[in-house]
Amino acid sequence: MNNINKLEHYIFSKKDKFKISSQDIKKGDIFLALQGKNFHGNKFIKSSLKKGAKFCITNNVNFISDTRIIYIKNIFKYLTDLATKKRNLYKGKVIGITGSAGKTTLKETLAFFLKKDNLISYSQKSYNNELGVLISLLNLNLNSSYAIFEIGTNNFGEIKYLTNLVRPEQIFITNIQSTHLENFKTKNKIATEKSDIFVSKYNNKRQILYLNIKTSPEEIILKKAKKEKNLKIIRIDKLSKKYFVKNIIKEQKYYKVIFSINKKIKILETKSVVMFRIFNLLFCYAFFDQNSLNLNTISKRHKLLKPIEGRGLTHSIFLNKIRLKVIDESYNANPDTMYQSLEYFSNIKKSNTKKILIFGNMNELGTKSLKIHLEVLLQIERYSFKMIILCGEFFRKSIKKLNNPRNKFIYSRSENEIMNYLKKNIHNDDIIMVKCSNSTIVNKFTKNLLKVI
């Protein structure tokens, strides 16, 4: 058996071995040496081997001679071929999640409930682009009963390509929102792109489609789905007769959420009402019911479910010996999620004089970027907060267009400016919400802020 055959046998017999960061390498892993933002992975092959990597894959034919280093001329083609083979070997149920926002949160929520009584595989982090999907397939546990994949896009044609690799049998489309407008231009075009995940010529395995229809672009998805043959459509919105939120009752110290699940009533208690999280629970209830799984798993375990880092996780920190809470929503942002976050933050039972907003730019909004950022500021003005710290070029230009704002807006140009202003103006038990797109100044600031925990 030559080295490539040994590598492939190892991939098919193991799970979760592929890593693209040398920092994550553990004994027995496979290091994929690719071009990164700053360095080529070839630079870290030696250190990966020292950490115990079983194999390293490189496209550098002149690399040092070592049986553990595998030369592949076209890495992406090789990975695609291997991923296709491994997907063909898989006998469990494959779930695909797409949508403009909330893919990772729904994936983690569904995985949390499923893994209680089932062996499952699911993509790590937000692995939803071409490389992420390939790694998720190669890391698949062939013995698992369920496999959950995120499928993302920021341009035309990507969904059909990734769908053809994953071929999910059961599909969730979370929503259609104003993301990647730089390429797609309109939400209707985003809806058309996302719909490719259930089109039979790209995915001959699809069986069930779960939808939450609230907007006209989401109606486009429903219309296209109804044209597909042998596709079961499960709705969880207000027009659903099978799965829906029957009522939300405010009690003295909590909210009572009443779900109707296929004519069964399920009642959950929650301290706050965050609608996208409630709909995620409803998605999970619908999935469990459709797959004849125990609904009580969700009912009993939902209180143990925690938000994900960068997507609503709350941290308690001390800054300059001052006690603070930080709601971290710094992973990503679009206008719709900005509005959701504002409503949630305003409803937190705490004096508005203790609430601080830190907002950073929303990326990839195209020619409407300035207009959309100004609309977010006007939305903020419907509420009252202790202060709002803004950062990013679009917010800098937008803030100049506000006339006599009721709130205190502070524009900061850098991480240091944000930090210095906070240190001078915070008090014990202040609560901070951070919201921004990934790879922005505010995103980097948040990572550093949370290091002081």
Protein backbone atom coordinates (compact mmCIF):
# COMPACT_ATOMS: atom_id res chain seq x y z
CA MET A 1 0.00 0.00 0.00
CA ASN A 2 1.59 3.31 -1.08
CA ASN A 3 1.40 6.50 0.98
CA ILE A 4 -1.60 7.98 -0.84
CA ASN A 5 -3.55 4.74 -0.36
CA LYS A 6 -2.62 4.76 3.33
CA LEU A 7 -3.84 8.36 3.58
CA GLU A 8 -7.17 7.58 1.92
CA HIS A 9 -7.76 4.47 4.01
CA TYR A 10 -7.08 6.56 7.11
CA ILE A 11 -9.53 9.28 5.99
CA PHE A 12 -12.35 6.81 5.37
CA SER A 13 -11.81 4.94 8.64
CA LYS A 14 -11.46 7.98 10.92
CA LYS A 15 -13.40 11.13 11.80
CA ASP A 16 -12.52 14.76 12.57
CA LYS A 17 -8.87 14.41 11.51
CA PHE A 18 -8.57 17.20 8.90
CA LYS A 19 -7.20 20.53 10.17
CA ILE A 20 -6.30 23.69 8.23
CA SER A 21 -4.64 25.47 11.16
CA SER A 22 -1.39 24.08 12.53
CA GLN A 23 -2.38 25.49 15.94
CA ASP A 24 -5.23 22.96 16.10
CA ILE A 25 -3.09 19.92 15.28
CA LYS A 26 -3.18 16.99 17.71
CA LYS A 27 -1.69 13.53 17.51
CA GLY A 28 -3.15 11.59 14.59
CA ASP A 29 -4.49 14.62 12.69
CA ILE A 30 -4.07 15.45 9.00
CA PHE A 31 -2.66 18.91 8.28
CA LEU A 32 -3.80 20.56 5.07
CA ALA A 33 -1.07 22.99 3.95
CA LEU A 34 -2.90 25.75 2.05
CA GLN A 35 -2.27 29.40 1.26
CA GLY A 36 -3.54 31.53 4.16
CA LYS A 37 -4.06 35.27 4.52
CA ASN A 38 -0.49 35.87 5.66
CA PHE A 39 1.47 32.62 5.17
CA HIS A 40 1.38 29.40 3.22
CA GLY A 41 0.65 26.30 5.29
CA ASN A 42 3.90 24.76 4.02
CA LYS A 43 5.64 26.93 6.58
CA PHE A 44 3.98 24.93 9.37
CA ILE A 45 4.43 21.37 8.11
CA LYS A 46 7.46 20.67 10.31
CA SER A 47 5.74 22.01 13.45
CA SER A 48 2.60 20.00 12.62
CA LEU A 49 4.64 16.81 12.34
CA LYS A 50 6.29 17.56 15.68
CA LYS A 51 2.84 17.91 17.22
CA GLY A 52 1.96 14.44 16.01
CA ALA A 53 0.29 14.93 12.63
CA LYS A 54 -0.03 11.57 10.90
CA PHE A 55 -0.08 13.13 7.43
CA CYS A 56 0.50 16.53 5.86
CA ILE A 57 -0.87 17.34 2.41
CA THR A 58 0.99 19.88 0.24
CA ASN A 59 1.13 20.99 -3.37
CA ASN A 60 4.88 21.68 -3.14
CA VAL A 61 6.70 18.89 -4.99
CA ASN A 62 10.07 20.09 -3.71
CA PHE A 63 9.19 19.70 -0.06
CA ILE A 64 11.32 17.60 2.27
CA SER A 65 11.21 13.85 1.74
CA ASP A 66 9.07 12.24 4.42
CA THR A 67 6.55 9.43 4.09
CA ARG A 68 4.10 11.47 6.16
CA ILE A 69 4.12 14.35 3.64
CA ILE A 70 1.84 13.69 0.69
CA TYR A 71 2.30 15.70 -2.50
CA ILE A 72 -0.94 16.48 -4.37
CA LYS A 73 -0.70 18.68 -7.47
CA ASN A 74 -4.32 19.91 -7.40
CA ILE A 75 -5.40 19.81 -3.77
CA PHE A 76 -8.99 21.04 -4.22
CA LYS A 77 -9.73 18.52 -6.96
CA TYR A 78 -8.25 15.75 -4.83
CA LEU A 79 -10.27 16.80 -1.76
CA THR A 80 -13.45 17.02 -3.85
CA ASP A 81 -12.96 13.50 -5.22
CA LEU A 82 -12.30 12.11 -1.74
CA ALA A 83 -15.24 13.99 -0.21
CA THR A 84 -17.56 12.62 -2.91
CA LYS A 85 -16.37 9.07 -2.22
CA LYS A 86 -16.90 9.45 1.52
CA ARG A 87 -20.36 10.95 1.03
CA ASN A 88 -21.28 7.98 -1.19
CA LEU A 89 -20.23 5.60 1.59
CA TYR A 90 -22.40 7.32 4.21
CA LYS A 91 -25.63 5.50 5.15
CA GLY A 92 -27.02 7.86 7.80
CA LYS A 93 -29.42 10.79 7.34
CA VAL A 94 -27.88 13.96 5.88
CA ILE A 95 -29.20 17.38 6.91
CA GLY A 96 -28.36 20.61 5.07
CA ILE A 97 -28.87 24.08 6.55
CA THR A 98 -28.78 27.26 4.50
CA GLY A 99 -30.22 30.77 4.81
CA SER A 100 -28.97 34.32 5.14
CA ALA A 101 -28.44 34.21 8.90
CA GLY A 102 -28.69 31.73 11.75
CA LYS A 103 -27.21 28.68 10.00
CA THR A 104 -24.60 27.99 12.67
CA THR A 105 -26.99 28.64 15.56
CA LEU A 106 -29.61 26.26 14.15
CA LYS A 107 -26.94 23.64 13.38
CA GLU A 108 -25.59 23.80 16.94
CA THR A 109 -29.13 23.74 18.41
CA LEU A 110 -30.19 20.70 16.39
CA ALA A 111 -26.89 18.93 17.12
CA PHE A 112 -27.28 19.65 20.86
CA PHE A 113 -30.62 17.83 20.98
CA LEU A 114 -29.74 15.02 18.55
CA LYS A 115 -26.50 13.97 20.22
CA LYS A 116 -28.30 13.21 23.48
CA ASP A 117 -29.45 9.83 22.11
CA ASN A 118 -27.72 9.53 18.74
CA LEU A 119 -24.25 9.32 17.25
CA ILE A 120 -23.96 12.38 15.01
CA SER A 121 -21.51 14.29 12.82
CA TYR A 122 -21.74 18.02 12.26
CA SER A 123 -19.58 20.69 10.69
CA GLN A 124 -17.34 22.62 13.06
CA LYS A 125 -17.39 26.40 13.45
CA SER A 126 -19.06 28.09 10.45
CA TYR A 127 -17.65 25.75 7.81
CA ASN A 128 -20.08 26.56 5.01
CA ASN A 129 -17.96 27.62 2.01
CA GLU A 130 -16.27 25.28 -0.47
CA LEU A 131 -13.28 24.46 1.73
CA GLY A 132 -15.41 24.22 4.87
CA VAL A 133 -17.89 21.84 3.27
CA LEU A 134 -15.10 19.64 1.88
CA ILE A 135 -13.43 19.40 5.29
CA SER A 136 -16.78 18.66 6.95
CA LEU A 137 -17.39 15.80 4.51
CA LEU A 138 -13.87 14.43 4.98
CA ASN A 139 -14.29 14.63 8.76
CA LEU A 140 -17.59 12.74 8.58
CA ASN A 141 -18.03 9.79 10.94
CA LEU A 142 -19.33 7.03 8.69
CA ASN A 143 -20.83 5.26 11.72
CA SER A 144 -23.02 8.20 12.74
CA SER A 145 -26.80 8.19 12.32
CA TYR A 146 -27.13 11.86 11.41
CA ALA A 147 -24.79 14.33 9.68
CA ILE A 148 -25.47 18.09 9.71
CA PHE A 149 -23.87 20.47 7.21
CA GLU A 150 -24.03 24.23 6.74
CA ILE A 151 -24.21 25.35 3.13
CA GLY A 152 -23.44 29.02 2.49
CA THR A 153 -23.01 31.36 -0.43
CA ASN A 154 -21.91 34.88 -1.23
CA ASN A 155 -22.26 34.63 -5.02
CA PHE A 156 -24.34 32.98 -7.71
CA GLY A 157 -23.96 29.26 -8.37
CA GLU A 158 -22.33 28.31 -5.07
CA ILE A 159 -25.39 26.64 -3.53
CA LYS A 160 -25.90 24.26 -6.45
CA TYR A 161 -22.20 23.32 -6.38
CA LEU A 162 -22.05 22.66 -2.63
CA THR A 163 -25.46 20.97 -2.63
CA ASN A 164 -24.22 18.55 -5.27
CA LEU A 165 -21.40 17.60 -2.88
CA VAL A 166 -23.47 17.23 0.29
CA ARG A 167 -26.77 16.03 -1.23
CA PRO A 168 -28.83 16.60 1.94
CA GLU A 169 -32.03 14.62 2.34
CA GLN A 170 -33.58 17.00 4.86
CA ILE A 171 -33.14 20.72 4.36
CA PHE A 172 -33.65 23.82 6.50
CA ILE A 173 -33.75 27.34 5.06
CA THR A 174 -33.60 29.68 8.04
CA ASN A 175 -34.50 33.01 6.40
CA ILE A 176 -33.73 35.45 3.60
CA GLN A 177 -32.13 38.69 4.77
CA SER A 178 -29.99 41.56 3.44
CA THR A 179 -26.64 39.78 3.22
CA HIS A 180 -24.05 39.77 0.41
CA LEU A 181 -26.02 42.42 -1.48
CA GLU A 182 -22.76 43.52 -3.06
CA ASN A 183 -23.08 40.49 -5.34
CA PHE A 184 -26.76 39.53 -5.20
CA LYS A 185 -28.21 43.09 -5.31
CA THR A 186 -31.68 42.02 -4.06
CA LYS A 187 -33.18 39.63 -1.52
CA ASN A 188 -35.26 38.04 -4.27
CA LYS A 189 -32.05 36.94 -6.01
CA ILE A 190 -30.73 35.59 -2.71
CA ALA A 191 -33.94 33.55 -2.37
CA THR A 192 -33.51 32.14 -5.88
CA GLU A 193 -29.90 31.17 -5.14
CA LYS A 194 -30.79 29.49 -1.83
CA SER A 195 -33.57 27.51 -3.53
CA ASP A 196 -31.03 25.48 -5.49
CA ILE A 197 -30.48 23.38 -2.37
CA PHE A 198 -33.76 21.51 -2.98
CA VAL A 199 -33.84 21.46 -6.80
CA SER A 200 -33.76 17.82 -7.90
CA LYS A 201 -31.23 18.24 -10.71
CA TYR A 202 -28.65 19.46 -8.15
CA ASN A 203 -29.80 17.27 -5.28
CA ASN A 204 -31.45 13.97 -6.16
CA LYS A 205 -31.52 12.95 -2.48
CA ARG A 206 -33.77 15.70 -1.09
CA GLN A 207 -36.93 14.58 0.67
CA ILE A 208 -38.06 17.15 3.25
CA LEU A 209 -37.80 20.96 3.25
CA TYR A 210 -38.35 22.93 6.48
CA LEU A 211 -39.37 26.59 6.01
CA ASN A 212 -40.34 29.60 8.12
CA ILE A 213 -42.13 31.95 5.70
CA LYS A 214 -42.35 35.57 6.89
CA THR A 215 -41.33 37.74 3.90
CA SER A 216 -41.98 38.00 0.18
CA PRO A 217 -38.48 36.69 -0.76
CA GLU A 218 -39.22 33.62 1.38
CA GLU A 219 -42.49 33.23 -0.53
CA ILE A 220 -40.35 32.86 -3.68
CA ILE A 221 -38.69 29.83 -2.08
CA LEU A 222 -42.06 28.32 -1.19
CA LYS A 223 -43.33 28.85 -4.75
CA LYS A 224 -40.27 27.13 -6.23
CA ALA A 225 -40.51 24.29 -3.70
CA LYS A 226 -44.13 23.59 -4.64
CA LYS A 227 -43.03 23.00 -8.25
CA GLU A 228 -40.65 20.22 -7.19
CA LYS A 229 -41.92 16.66 -7.32
CA ASN A 230 -41.63 14.33 -4.31
CA LEU A 231 -40.54 17.11 -1.96
CA LYS A 232 -42.33 17.30 1.38
CA ILE A 233 -42.66 20.89 2.63
CA ILE A 234 -42.86 21.49 6.39
CA ARG A 235 -43.76 25.01 7.50
CA ILE A 236 -43.34 26.42 11.01
CA ASP A 237 -44.77 29.91 10.41
CA LYS A 238 -48.15 31.38 11.34
CA LEU A 239 -49.90 29.67 8.41
CA SER A 240 -48.69 26.24 9.44
CA LYS A 241 -51.38 23.89 10.70
CA LYS A 242 -48.95 21.32 12.06
CA TYR A 243 -46.05 23.13 13.76
CA PHE A 244 -46.48 26.61 15.21
CA VAL A 245 -46.14 28.82 18.27
CA LYS A 246 -49.63 28.82 19.80
CA ASN A 247 -49.01 31.52 22.39
CA ILE A 248 -46.39 33.34 24.46
CA ILE A 249 -47.56 34.26 27.96
CA LYS A 250 -45.68 36.66 30.20
CA GLU A 251 -45.54 35.45 33.79
CA GLN A 252 -44.06 37.31 36.74
CA LYS A 253 -40.49 35.99 36.38
CA TYR A 254 -40.49 34.21 33.02
CA TYR A 255 -42.28 33.69 29.74
CA LYS A 256 -44.31 30.61 28.92
CA VAL A 257 -43.98 29.57 25.26
CA ILE A 258 -46.72 27.21 24.05
CA PHE A 259 -45.90 25.15 20.95
CA SER A 260 -48.34 23.08 18.94
CA ILE A 261 -46.43 20.09 17.55
CA ASN A 262 -48.57 17.89 15.33
CA LYS A 263 -51.57 18.41 17.65
CA LYS A 264 -49.44 17.86 20.77
CA ILE A 265 -48.92 20.80 23.15
CA LYS A 266 -45.40 21.47 24.42
CA ILE A 267 -44.83 24.22 26.99
CA LEU A 268 -41.39 25.70 27.64
CA GLU A 269 -40.35 28.39 30.11
CA THR A 270 -37.77 31.02 29.20
CA LYS A 271 -36.42 34.15 30.90
CA SER A 272 -36.53 36.20 27.69
CA VAL A 273 -38.25 36.05 24.32
CA VAL A 274 -35.76 35.91 21.44
CA MET A 275 -37.87 34.96 18.46
CA PHE A 276 -35.16 33.42 16.28
CA ARG A 277 -34.24 31.10 19.15
CA ILE A 278 -37.88 30.15 19.65
CA PHE A 279 -38.18 29.38 15.93
CA ASN A 280 -35.02 27.28 16.14
CA LEU A 281 -36.69 25.21 18.86
CA LEU A 282 -39.75 24.91 16.62
CA PHE A 283 -37.55 23.77 13.70
CA CYS A 284 -36.08 21.11 16.01
CA TYR A 285 -39.49 19.99 17.25
CA ALA A 286 -40.66 19.62 13.64
CA PHE A 287 -37.54 17.64 12.71
CA PHE A 288 -37.89 15.34 15.73
CA ASP A 289 -41.54 14.73 14.96
CA GLN A 290 -40.89 14.02 11.27
CA ASN A 291 -38.16 11.54 12.22
CA SER A 292 -40.13 9.86 15.03
CA LEU A 293 -37.68 11.03 17.70
CA ASN A 294 -38.50 11.77 21.33
CA LEU A 295 -39.93 15.31 21.61
CA ASN A 296 -39.25 15.31 25.35
CA THR A 297 -35.52 15.50 24.62
CA ILE A 298 -36.09 19.10 23.52
CA SER A 299 -38.55 19.88 26.30
CA LYS A 300 -36.19 18.62 29.01
CA ARG A 301 -32.88 19.93 27.62
CA HIS A 302 -33.69 23.35 26.18
CA LYS A 303 -32.68 25.16 29.38
CA LEU A 304 -29.18 23.69 29.06
CA LEU A 305 -28.78 25.23 25.61
CA LYS A 306 -26.42 28.22 25.54
CA PRO A 307 -25.84 30.86 22.86
CA ILE A 308 -22.75 30.46 20.68
CA GLU A 309 -19.62 32.57 20.89
CA GLY A 310 -20.06 35.70 18.78
CA ARG A 311 -23.79 35.02 18.37
CA GLY A 312 -25.35 36.18 21.61
CA LEU A 313 -23.19 34.55 24.27
CA THR A 314 -23.12 36.68 27.45
CA HIS A 315 -19.82 37.15 29.29
CA SER A 316 -19.18 38.54 32.77
CA ILE A 317 -15.94 40.54 32.89
CA PHE A 318 -14.07 43.08 34.98
CA LEU A 319 -12.59 46.10 33.22
CA ASN A 320 -10.55 48.42 35.44
CA LYS A 321 -12.06 46.54 38.40
CA ILE A 322 -15.55 47.45 37.16
CA ARG A 323 -18.04 44.60 36.83
CA LEU A 324 -19.68 44.37 33.38
CA LYS A 325 -21.77 42.04 31.24
CA VAL A 326 -20.99 41.79 27.54
CA ILE A 327 -23.43 40.33 25.01
CA ASP A 328 -21.19 39.24 22.17
CA GLU A 329 -22.84 39.37 18.74
CA SER A 330 -19.64 40.28 16.95
CA TYR A 331 -19.48 37.38 14.51
CA ASN A 332 -21.68 38.89 11.82
CA ALA A 333 -24.34 41.49 11.12
CA ASN A 334 -26.88 42.62 8.56
CA PRO A 335 -29.72 45.19 8.88
CA ASP A 336 -32.28 42.57 9.89
CA THR A 337 -30.13 41.10 12.68
CA MET A 338 -29.18 44.62 13.81
CA TYR A 339 -32.88 45.38 14.32
CA GLN A 340 -33.43 42.06 16.11
CA SER A 341 -30.53 42.77 18.45
CA LEU A 342 -31.78 46.28 19.21
CA GLU A 343 -35.21 44.98 20.14
CA TYR A 344 -33.76 42.22 22.30
CA PHE A 345 -31.35 44.62 24.05
CA SER A 346 -34.06 47.19 24.74
CA ASN A 347 -36.28 44.49 26.30
CA ILE A 348 -33.64 43.35 28.79
CA LYS A 349 -34.89 44.18 32.28
CA LYS A 350 -32.31 46.75 33.20
CA SER A 351 -32.32 50.54 33.32
CA ASN A 352 -31.54 52.05 29.92
CA THR A 353 -28.98 54.23 31.67
CA LYS A 354 -26.90 51.06 32.17
CA LYS A 355 -27.02 49.86 28.54
CA ILE A 356 -24.17 50.53 26.12
CA LEU A 357 -24.25 49.69 22.42
CA ILE A 358 -21.10 49.18 20.36
CA PHE A 359 -21.86 48.83 16.64
CA GLY A 360 -19.40 48.19 13.83
CA ASN A 361 -19.79 48.19 10.07
CA MET A 362 -22.00 45.74 8.19
CA ASN A 363 -20.03 44.37 5.24
CA GLU A 364 -20.96 43.41 1.67
CA LEU A 365 -24.07 45.58 1.33
CA GLY A 366 -23.03 47.09 -2.01
CA THR A 367 -24.17 50.50 -3.24
CA LYS A 368 -26.83 50.79 -0.51
CA SER A 369 -24.31 50.53 2.35
CA LEU A 370 -24.50 54.16 3.48
CA LYS A 371 -28.30 54.28 3.30
CA ILE A 372 -28.62 51.04 5.29
CA HIS A 373 -26.21 52.19 8.01
CA LEU A 374 -28.15 55.44 8.39
CA GLU A 375 -31.40 53.48 8.69
CA VAL A 376 -29.85 51.49 11.55
CA LEU A 377 -29.02 54.74 13.38
CA LEU A 378 -32.58 55.96 12.89
CA GLN A 379 -33.80 52.66 14.32
CA ILE A 380 -31.53 53.14 17.35
CA GLU A 381 -33.18 56.53 17.90
CA ARG A 382 -36.46 54.75 18.64
CA TYR A 383 -34.82 53.54 21.86
CA SER A 384 -32.86 55.14 24.66
CA PHE A 385 -29.43 53.93 25.81
CA LYS A 386 -26.61 55.16 28.01
CA MET A 387 -24.39 55.57 24.97
CA ILE A 388 -23.81 54.23 21.48
CA ILE A 389 -20.24 53.75 20.29
CA LEU A 390 -19.88 53.47 16.53
CA CYS A 391 -16.91 52.42 14.45
CA GLY A 392 -16.42 52.02 10.70
CA GLU A 393 -16.48 54.30 7.67
CA PHE A 394 -20.19 53.89 6.90
CA PHE A 395 -21.20 54.76 10.44
CA ARG A 396 -18.80 57.74 10.38
CA LYS A 397 -20.58 59.16 7.34
CA SER A 398 -24.05 58.24 8.61
CA ILE A 399 -23.72 59.87 12.01
CA LYS A 400 -23.22 63.25 10.33
CA LYS A 401 -26.70 63.00 8.86
CA LEU A 402 -28.44 62.72 12.24
CA ASN A 403 -30.21 65.90 13.38
CA ASN A 404 -30.39 66.49 17.13
CA PRO A 405 -30.18 62.82 18.18
CA ARG A 406 -31.79 61.84 21.47
CA ASN A 407 -29.02 59.32 22.20
CA LYS A 408 -25.38 59.96 22.87
CA PHE A 409 -23.41 58.77 19.80
CA ILE A 410 -19.63 58.46 19.97
CA TYR A 411 -17.57 57.69 16.89
CA SER A 412 -14.28 55.82 17.42
CA ARG A 413 -11.66 55.17 14.76
CA SER A 414 -9.76 52.33 16.40
CA GLU A 415 -9.79 49.57 19.00
CA ASN A 416 -7.77 51.75 21.37
CA GLU A 417 -10.21 54.65 21.10
CA ILE A 418 -13.15 52.38 21.93
CA MET A 419 -11.31 50.88 24.89
CA ASN A 420 -10.10 54.22 26.27
CA TYR A 421 -13.58 55.74 26.06
CA LEU A 422 -15.14 52.73 27.78
CA LYS A 423 -12.66 52.78 30.63
CA LYS A 424 -13.52 56.40 31.38
CA ASN A 425 -17.30 56.06 31.15
CA ILE A 426 -18.36 52.65 32.50
CA HIS A 427 -19.84 51.87 35.89
CA ASN A 428 -20.53 48.70 37.84
CA ASP A 429 -23.23 46.48 36.34
CA ASP A 430 -23.33 48.23 32.99
CA ILE A 431 -24.30 45.88 30.17
CA ILE A 432 -22.70 46.12 26.74
CA MET A 433 -24.01 44.70 23.48
CA VAL A 434 -21.52 44.40 20.62
CA LYS A 435 -22.77 43.89 17.06
CA CYS A 436 -20.77 43.99 13.83
CA SER A 437 -19.62 42.05 10.79
CA ASN A 438 -16.68 39.70 10.99
CA SER A 439 -13.17 41.07 10.31
CA THR A 440 -14.10 44.62 11.37
CA ILE A 441 -12.37 46.80 13.95
CA VAL A 442 -15.21 46.17 16.43
CA ASN A 443 -14.91 42.42 15.85
CA LYS A 444 -11.21 42.54 16.75
CA PHE A 445 -11.91 44.86 19.69
CA THR A 446 -14.44 42.39 21.11
CA LYS A 447 -11.96 39.51 21.00
CA ASN A 448 -9.47 41.61 22.98
CA LEU A 449 -12.13 42.88 25.40
CA LEU A 450 -13.19 39.35 26.28
CA LYS A 451 -9.60 38.37 27.02
CA VAL A 452 -9.86 40.39 30.24
CA ILE A 453 -12.39 37.89 31.69
